[in-house]
Amino acid sequence: MQTRPHDARRTLAIGRWTMALALAALAASGLVAYGFAEHFSLPAQIAAHLLIPVAAGLLKLGYVVRLASHHALGNFAAG
């Protein structure tokens, strides 16, 4: 199936945004869970600990989407 360049560029933007938001969530949850844990309640710390692997998974998913869109655009050197 042929992919239109417009769709691949849109998918590339989605992948980049997913990575950026996941990285921000990963950093924030790491700070809540470990960096400033004494300033947060136990439920907030638990939520932050649970968010860490979820954010890491979203980061990886965004990276795969980004790679797939680069491949669709013909940029095989992207990594």
PDB file of N, CA and C in Angstrom:
ATOM      1  N   MET A   1       0.835  -1.175   0.000  1.00  0.00           N
ATOM      2  CA  MET A   1       0.000   0.000   0.000  1.00  0.00           C
ATOM      3  C   MET A   1       0.883   1.242   0.000  1.00  0.00           C
ATOM      4  N   GLN A   2       0.616   2.144  -0.897  1.00  0.00           N
ATOM      5  CA  GLN A   2       1.375   3.381  -0.984  1.00  0.00           C
ATOM      6  C   GLN A   2       0.898   4.370   0.072  1.00  0.00           C
ATOM      7  N   THR A   3       1.846   5.008   0.719  1.00  0.00           N
ATOM      8  CA  THR A   3       1.529   6.029   1.709  1.00  0.00           C
ATOM      9  C   THR A   3       1.755   7.399   1.084  1.00  0.00           C
ATOM     10  N   ARG A   4       0.805   8.267   1.241  1.00  0.00           N
ATOM     11  CA  ARG A   4       0.964   9.625   0.742  1.00  0.00           C
ATOM     12  C   ARG A   4       1.945  10.367   1.638  1.00  0.00           C
ATOM     13  N   PRO A   5       2.807  11.212   1.058  1.00  0.00           N
ATOM     14  CA  PRO A   5       3.772  11.954   1.880  1.00  0.00           C
ATOM     15  C   PRO A   5       3.109  12.808   2.955  1.00  0.00           C
ATOM     16  N   HIS A   6       1.915  13.320   2.661  1.00  0.00           N
ATOM     17  CA  HIS A   6       1.220  14.143   3.656  1.00  0.00           C
ATOM     18  C   HIS A   6       0.897  13.314   4.898  1.00  0.00           C
ATOM     19  N   ASP A   7       0.431  12.089   4.697  1.00  0.00           N
ATOM     20  CA  ASP A   7       0.115  11.220   5.827  1.00  0.00           C
ATOM     21  C   ASP A   7       1.364  10.875   6.626  1.00  0.00           C
ATOM     22  N   ALA A   8       2.466  10.625   5.921  1.00  0.00           N
ATOM     23  CA  ALA A   8       3.708  10.276   6.606  1.00  0.00           C
ATOM     24  C   ALA A   8       4.239  11.461   7.410  1.00  0.00           C
ATOM     25  N   ARG A   9       4.104  12.659   6.877  1.00  0.00           N
ATOM     26  CA  ARG A   9       4.552  13.840   7.627  1.00  0.00           C
ATOM     27  C   ARG A   9       3.691  14.061   8.862  1.00  0.00           C
ATOM     28  N   ARG A  10       2.408  13.817   8.722  1.00  0.00           N
ATOM     29  CA  ARG A  10       1.509  13.951   9.876  1.00  0.00           C
ATOM     30  C   ARG A  10       1.844  12.893  10.931  1.00  0.00           C
ATOM     31  N   THR A  11       2.109  11.678  10.479  1.00  0.00           N
ATOM     32  CA  THR A  11       2.481  10.610  11.396  1.00  0.00           C
ATOM     33  C   THR A  11       3.811  10.921  12.078  1.00  0.00           C
ATOM     34  N   LEU A  12       4.725  11.527  11.342  1.00  0.00           N
ATOM     35  CA  LEU A  12       6.002  11.933  11.923  1.00  0.00           C
ATOM     36  C   LEU A  12       5.784  12.952  13.037  1.00  0.00           C
ATOM     37  N   ALA A  13       4.902  13.908  12.808  1.00  0.00           N
ATOM     38  CA  ALA A  13       4.604  14.905  13.841  1.00  0.00           C
ATOM     39  C   ALA A  13       3.956  14.250  15.058  1.00  0.00           C
ATOM     40  N   ILE A  14       3.070  13.298  14.821  1.00  0.00           N
ATOM     41  CA  ILE A  14       2.430  12.593  15.939  1.00  0.00           C
ATOM     42  C   ILE A  14       3.470  11.826  16.741  1.00  0.00           C
ATOM     43  N   GLY A  15       4.388  11.163  16.058  1.00  0.00           N
ATOM     44  CA  GLY A  15       5.445  10.428  16.747  1.00  0.00           C
ATOM     45  C   GLY A  15       6.336  11.337  17.571  1.00  0.00           C
ATOM     46  N   ARG A  16       6.675  12.484  17.005  1.00  0.00           N
ATOM     47  CA  ARG A  16       7.522  13.434  17.739  1.00  0.00           C
ATOM     48  C   ARG A  16       6.801  13.992  18.966  1.00  0.00           C
ATOM     49  N   TRP A  17       5.522  14.341  18.795  1.00  0.00           N
ATOM     50  CA  TRP A  17       4.755  14.862  19.930  1.00  0.00           C
ATOM     51  C   TRP A  17       4.582  13.796  21.013  1.00  0.00           C
ATOM     52  N   THR A  18       4.354  12.561  20.591  1.00  0.00           N
ATOM     53  CA  THR A  18       4.222  11.471  21.558  1.00  0.00           C
ATOM     54  C   THR A  18       5.504  11.311  22.353  1.00  0.00           C
ATOM     55  N   MET A  19       6.637  11.364  21.661  1.00  0.00           N
ATOM     56  CA  MET A  19       7.917  11.255  22.355  1.00  0.00           C
ATOM     57  C   MET A  19       8.135  12.420  23.314  1.00  0.00           C
ATOM     58  N   ALA A  20       7.808  13.624  22.888  1.00  0.00           N
ATOM     59  CA  ALA A  20       8.019  14.802  23.738  1.00  0.00           C
ATOM     60  C   ALA A  20       7.144  14.753  24.986  1.00  0.00           C
ATOM     61  N   LEU A  21       5.875  14.417  24.799  1.00  0.00           N
ATOM     62  CA  LEU A  21       4.970  14.348  25.953  1.00  0.00           C
ATOM     63  C   LEU A  21       5.343  13.202  26.888  1.00  0.00           C
ATOM     64  N   ALA A  22       5.743  12.079  26.319  1.00  0.00           N
ATOM     65  CA  ALA A  22       6.144  10.944  27.148  1.00  0.00           C
ATOM     66  C   ALA A  22       7.414  11.269  27.928  1.00  0.00           C
ATOM     67  N   LEU A  23       8.343  11.961  27.304  1.00  0.00           N
ATOM     68  CA  LEU A  23       9.571  12.343  28.001  1.00  0.00           C
ATOM     69  C   LEU A  23       9.276  13.317  29.138  1.00  0.00           C
ATOM     70  N   ALA A  24       8.366  14.252  28.903  1.00  0.00           N
ATOM     71  CA  ALA A  24       7.973  15.182  29.964  1.00  0.00           C
ATOM     72  C   ALA A  24       7.282  14.445  31.107  1.00  0.00           C
ATOM     73  N   ALA A  25       6.403  13.498  30.773  1.00  0.00           N
ATOM     74  CA  ALA A  25       5.722  12.718  31.809  1.00  0.00           C
ATOM     75  C   ALA A  25       6.708  11.848  32.570  1.00  0.00           C
ATOM     76  N   LEU A  26       7.685  11.296  31.866  1.00  0.00           N
ATOM     77  CA  LEU A  26       8.703  10.469  32.512  1.00  0.00           C
ATOM     78  C   LEU A  26       9.552  11.296  33.471  1.00  0.00           C
ATOM     79  N   ALA A  27       9.936  12.484  33.047  1.00  0.00           N
ATOM     80  CA  ALA A  27      10.730  13.357  33.913  1.00  0.00           C
ATOM     81  C   ALA A  27       9.927  13.807  35.128  1.00  0.00           C
ATOM     82  N   ALA A  28       8.682  14.205  34.902  1.00  0.00           N
ATOM     83  CA  ALA A  28       7.850  14.663  36.018  1.00  0.00           C
ATOM     84  C   ALA A  28       7.569  13.541  37.004  1.00  0.00           C
ATOM     85  N   SER A  29       7.250  12.361  36.496  1.00  0.00           N
ATOM     86  CA  SER A  29       6.961  11.252  37.408  1.00  0.00           C
ATOM     87  C   SER A  29       8.216  10.803  38.142  1.00  0.00           C
ATOM     88  N   GLY A  30       9.361  10.886  37.497  1.00  0.00           N
ATOM     89  CA  GLY A  30      10.612  10.561  38.186  1.00  0.00           C
ATOM     90  C   GLY A  30      10.922  11.540  39.302  1.00  0.00           C
ATOM     91  N   LEU A  31      10.650  12.810  39.061  1.00  0.00           N
ATOM     92  CA  LEU A  31      10.867  13.809  40.108  1.00  0.00           C
ATOM     93  C   LEU A  31       9.903  13.625  41.273  1.00  0.00           C
ATOM     94  N   VAL A  32       8.642  13.308  40.967  1.00  0.00           N
ATOM     95  CA  VAL A  32       7.661  13.092  42.036  1.00  0.00           C
ATOM     96  C   VAL A  32       7.987  11.820  42.805  1.00  0.00           C
ATOM     97  N   ALA A  33       8.358  10.760  42.083  1.00  0.00           N
ATOM     98  CA  ALA A  33       8.588   9.468  42.726  1.00  0.00           C
ATOM     99  C   ALA A  33       9.895   9.429  43.512  1.00  0.00           C
ATOM    100  N   TYR A  34      10.928  10.118  43.020  1.00  0.00           N
ATOM    101  CA  TYR A  34      12.238  10.001  43.656  1.00  0.00           C
ATOM    102  C   TYR A  34      12.824  11.335  44.107  1.00  0.00           C
ATOM    103  N   GLY A  35      12.760  12.342  43.254  1.00  0.00           N
ATOM    104  CA  GLY A  35      13.439  13.601  43.549  1.00  0.00           C
ATOM    105  C   GLY A  35      12.855  14.387  44.700  1.00  0.00           C
ATOM    106  N   PHE A  36      11.553  14.528  44.710  1.00  0.00           N
ATOM    107  CA  PHE A  36      10.881  15.327  45.734  1.00  0.00           C
ATOM    108  C   PHE A  36       9.793  14.518  46.429  1.00  0.00           C
ATOM    109  N   ALA A  37      10.069  13.264  46.694  1.00  0.00           N
ATOM    110  CA  ALA A  37       9.061  12.352  47.252  1.00  0.00           C
ATOM    111  C   ALA A  37       8.536  12.829  48.600  1.00  0.00           C
ATOM    112  N   GLU A  38       9.374  13.476  49.380  1.00  0.00           N
ATOM    113  CA  GLU A  38       8.947  13.905  50.712  1.00  0.00           C
ATOM    114  C   GLU A  38       7.904  15.019  50.665  1.00  0.00           C
ATOM    115  N   HIS A  39       7.756  15.653  49.520  1.00  0.00           N
ATOM    116  CA  HIS A  39       6.786  16.741  49.377  1.00  0.00           C
ATOM    117  C   HIS A  39       5.429  16.285  48.847  1.00  0.00           C
ATOM    118  N   PHE A  40       5.294  15.004  48.524  1.00  0.00           N
ATOM    119  CA  PHE A  40       4.062  14.489  47.920  1.00  0.00           C
ATOM    120  C   PHE A  40       3.459  13.405  48.794  1.00  0.00           C
ATOM    121  N   SER A  41       2.144  13.266  48.691  1.00  0.00           N
ATOM    122  CA  SER A  41       1.444  12.245  49.470  1.00  0.00           C
ATOM    123  C   SER A  41       1.772  10.859  48.920  1.00  0.00           C
ATOM    124  N   LEU A  42       1.455   9.843  49.706  1.00  0.00           N
ATOM    125  CA  LEU A  42       1.723   8.473  49.289  1.00  0.00           C
ATOM    126  C   LEU A  42       0.951   8.097  48.019  1.00  0.00           C
ATOM    127  N   PRO A  43      -0.347   8.446  47.889  1.00  0.00           N
ATOM    128  CA  PRO A  43      -1.032   8.130  46.628  1.00  0.00           C
ATOM    129  C   PRO A  43      -0.396   8.808  45.409  1.00  0.00           C
ATOM    130  N   ALA A  44       0.097  10.022  45.571  1.00  0.00           N
ATOM    131  CA  ALA A  44       0.765  10.704  44.460  1.00  0.00           C
ATOM    132  C   ALA A  44       2.062   9.994  44.092  1.00  0.00           C
ATOM    133  N   GLN A  45       2.791   9.520  45.092  1.00  0.00           N
ATOM    134  CA  GLN A  45       4.023   8.784  44.827  1.00  0.00           C
ATOM    135  C   GLN A  45       3.738   7.453  44.138  1.00  0.00           C
ATOM    136  N   ILE A  46       2.672   6.782  44.569  1.00  0.00           N
ATOM    137  CA  ILE A  46       2.290   5.516  43.938  1.00  0.00           C
ATOM    138  C   ILE A  46       1.910   5.759  42.481  1.00  0.00           C
ATOM    139  N   ALA A  47       1.130   6.798  42.239  1.00  0.00           N
ATOM    140  CA  ALA A  47       0.739   7.130  40.863  1.00  0.00           C
ATOM    141  C   ALA A  47       1.966   7.457  40.014  1.00  0.00           C
ATOM    142  N   ALA A  48       2.913   8.167  40.591  1.00  0.00           N
ATOM    143  CA  ALA A  48       4.131   8.508  39.858  1.00  0.00           C
ATOM    144  C   ALA A  48       4.941   7.261  39.532  1.00  0.00           C
ATOM    145  N   HIS A  49       5.036   6.341  40.488  1.00  0.00           N
ATOM    146  CA  HIS A  49       5.749   5.094  40.228  1.00  0.00           C
ATOM    147  C   HIS A  49       5.061   4.279  39.134  1.00  0.00           C
ATOM    148  N   LEU A  50       3.741   4.276  39.126  1.00  0.00           N
ATOM    149  CA  LEU A  50       3.007   3.545  38.093  1.00  0.00           C
ATOM    150  C   LEU A  50       3.123   4.218  36.728  1.00  0.00           C
ATOM    151  N   LEU A  51       3.273   5.525  36.718  1.00  0.00           N
ATOM    152  CA  LEU A  51       3.370   6.259  35.463  1.00  0.00           C
ATOM    153  C   LEU A  51       4.725   6.076  34.780  1.00  0.00           C
ATOM    154  N   ILE A  52       5.750   5.747  35.528  1.00  0.00           N
ATOM    155  CA  ILE A  52       7.089   5.622  34.941  1.00  0.00           C
ATOM    156  C   ILE A  52       7.128   4.586  33.813  1.00  0.00           C
ATOM    157  N   PRO A  53       6.701   3.326  34.019  1.00  0.00           N
ATOM    158  CA  PRO A  53       6.750   2.383  32.886  1.00  0.00           C
ATOM    159  C   PRO A  53       5.753   2.714  31.775  1.00  0.00           C
ATOM    160  N   VAL A  54       4.639   3.342  32.126  1.00  0.00           N
ATOM    161  CA  VAL A  54       3.672   3.742  31.093  1.00  0.00           C
ATOM    162  C   VAL A  54       4.290   4.811  30.193  1.00  0.00           C
ATOM    163  N   ALA A  55       4.930   5.795  30.794  1.00  0.00           N
ATOM    164  CA  ALA A  55       5.569   6.857  30.013  1.00  0.00           C
ATOM    165  C   ALA A  55       6.726   6.306  29.181  1.00  0.00           C
ATOM    166  N   ALA A  56       7.478   5.364  29.746  1.00  0.00           N
ATOM    167  CA  ALA A  56       8.569   4.750  28.984  1.00  0.00           C
ATOM    168  C   ALA A  56       8.024   3.988  27.781  1.00  0.00           C
ATOM    169  N   GLY A  57       6.922   3.295  27.963  1.00  0.00           N
ATOM    170  CA  GLY A  57       6.299   2.586  26.845  1.00  0.00           C
ATOM    171  C   GLY A  57       5.803   3.530  25.770  1.00  0.00           C
ATOM    172  N   LEU A  58       5.220   4.647  26.176  1.00  0.00           N
ATOM    173  CA  LEU A  58       4.764   5.646  25.200  1.00  0.00           C
ATOM    174  C   LEU A  58       5.939   6.283  24.460  1.00  0.00           C
ATOM    175  N   LEU A  59       7.052   6.466  25.162  1.00  0.00           N
ATOM    176  CA  LEU A  59       8.247   7.006  24.522  1.00  0.00           C
ATOM    177  C   LEU A  59       8.734   6.051  23.435  1.00  0.00           C
ATOM    178  N   LYS A  60       8.758   4.767  23.748  1.00  0.00           N
ATOM    179  CA  LYS A  60       9.186   3.773  22.764  1.00  0.00           C
ATOM    180  C   LYS A  60       8.205   3.689  21.603  1.00  0.00           C
ATOM    181  N   LEU A  61       6.929   3.767  21.893  1.00  0.00           N
ATOM    182  CA  LEU A  61       5.917   3.735  20.843  1.00  0.00           C
ATOM    183  C   LEU A  61       6.056   4.943  19.914  1.00  0.00           C
ATOM    184  N   GLY A  62       6.282   6.110  20.485  1.00  0.00           N
ATOM    185  CA  GLY A  62       6.495   7.304  19.674  1.00  0.00           C
ATOM    186  C   GLY A  62       7.723   7.190  18.794  1.00  0.00           C
ATOM    187  N   TYR A  63       8.771   6.552  19.315  1.00  0.00           N
ATOM    188  CA  TYR A  63       9.993   6.359  18.537  1.00  0.00           C
ATOM    189  C   TYR A  63       9.743   5.427  17.355  1.00  0.00           C
ATOM    190  N   VAL A  64       8.991   4.362  17.584  1.00  0.00           N
ATOM    191  CA  VAL A  64       8.675   3.424  16.502  1.00  0.00           C
ATOM    192  C   VAL A  64       7.811   4.106  15.441  1.00  0.00           C
ATOM    193  N   VAL A  65       6.845   4.911  15.869  1.00  0.00           N
ATOM    194  CA  VAL A  65       6.007   5.650  14.917  1.00  0.00           C
ATOM    195  C   VAL A  65       6.865   6.617  14.115  1.00  0.00           C
ATOM    196  N   ARG A  66       7.797   7.269  14.778  1.00  0.00           N
ATOM    197  CA  ARG A  66       8.703   8.196  14.102  1.00  0.00           C
ATOM    198  C   ARG A  66       9.556   7.467  13.069  1.00  0.00           C
ATOM    199  N   LEU A  67      10.098   6.305  13.439  1.00  0.00           N
ATOM    200  CA  LEU A  67      10.905   5.533  12.493  1.00  0.00           C
ATOM    201  C   LEU A  67      10.079   5.061  11.300  1.00  0.00           C
ATOM    202  N   ALA A  68       8.854   4.610  11.555  1.00  0.00           N
ATOM    203  CA  ALA A  68       7.995   4.141  10.469  1.00  0.00           C
ATOM    204  C   ALA A  68       7.661   5.273   9.504  1.00  0.00           C
ATOM    205  N   SER A  69       7.429   6.460  10.025  1.00  0.00           N
ATOM    206  CA  SER A  69       7.110   7.579   9.137  1.00  0.00           C
ATOM    207  C   SER A  69       8.339   8.018   8.347  1.00  0.00           C
ATOM    208  N   HIS A  70       9.520   7.971   8.954  1.00  0.00           N
ATOM    209  CA  HIS A  70      10.738   8.266   8.200  1.00  0.00           C
ATOM    210  C   HIS A  70      10.913   7.251   7.074  1.00  0.00           C
ATOM    211  N   HIS A  71      10.646   5.997   7.377  1.00  0.00           N
ATOM    212  CA  HIS A  71      10.746   4.952   6.362  1.00  0.00           C
ATOM    213  C   HIS A  71       9.759   5.214   5.221  1.00  0.00           C
ATOM    214  N   ALA A  72       8.541   5.618   5.557  1.00  0.00           N
ATOM    215  CA  ALA A  72       7.533   5.910   4.532  1.00  0.00           C
ATOM    216  C   ALA A  72       7.931   7.112   3.678  1.00  0.00           C
ATOM    217  N   LEU A  73       8.679   8.038   4.259  1.00  0.00           N
ATOM    218  CA  LEU A  73       9.138   9.213   3.512  1.00  0.00           C
ATOM    219  C   LEU A  73      10.397   8.932   2.694  1.00  0.00           C
ATOM    220  N   GLY A  74      10.960   7.735   2.849  1.00  0.00           N
ATOM    221  CA  GLY A  74      12.153   7.372   2.099  1.00  0.00           C
ATOM    222  C   GLY A  74      13.449   7.712   2.791  1.00  0.00           C
ATOM    223  N   ASN A  75      13.388   8.143   4.023  1.00  0.00           N
ATOM    224  CA  ASN A  75      14.583   8.468   4.797  1.00  0.00           C
ATOM    225  C   ASN A  75      14.992   7.227   5.581  1.00  0.00           C
ATOM    226  N   PHE A  76      15.813   6.380   4.961  1.00  0.00           N
ATOM    227  CA  PHE A  76      16.183   5.115   5.582  1.00  0.00           C
ATOM    228  C   PHE A  76      17.355   5.257   6.543  1.00  0.00           C
ATOM    229  N   ALA A  77      17.981   6.423   6.601  1.00  0.00           N
ATOM    230  CA  ALA A  77      19.117   6.645   7.492  1.00  0.00           C
ATOM    231  C   ALA A  77      18.687   7.181   8.852  1.00  0.00           C
ATOM    232  N   ALA A  78      17.405   7.467   9.026  1.00  0.00           N
ATOM    233  CA  ALA A  78      16.936   8.009  10.311  1.00  0.00           C
ATOM    234  C   ALA A  78      17.063   6.947  11.380  1.00  0.00           C
ATOM    235  N   GLY A  79      17.448   7.383  12.562  1.00  0.00           N
ATOM    236  CA  GLY A  79      17.611   6.404  13.615  1.00  0.00           C
ATOM    237  C   GLY A  79      17.460   6.934  14.959  1.00  0.00           C
TER     238      GLY A  79
END
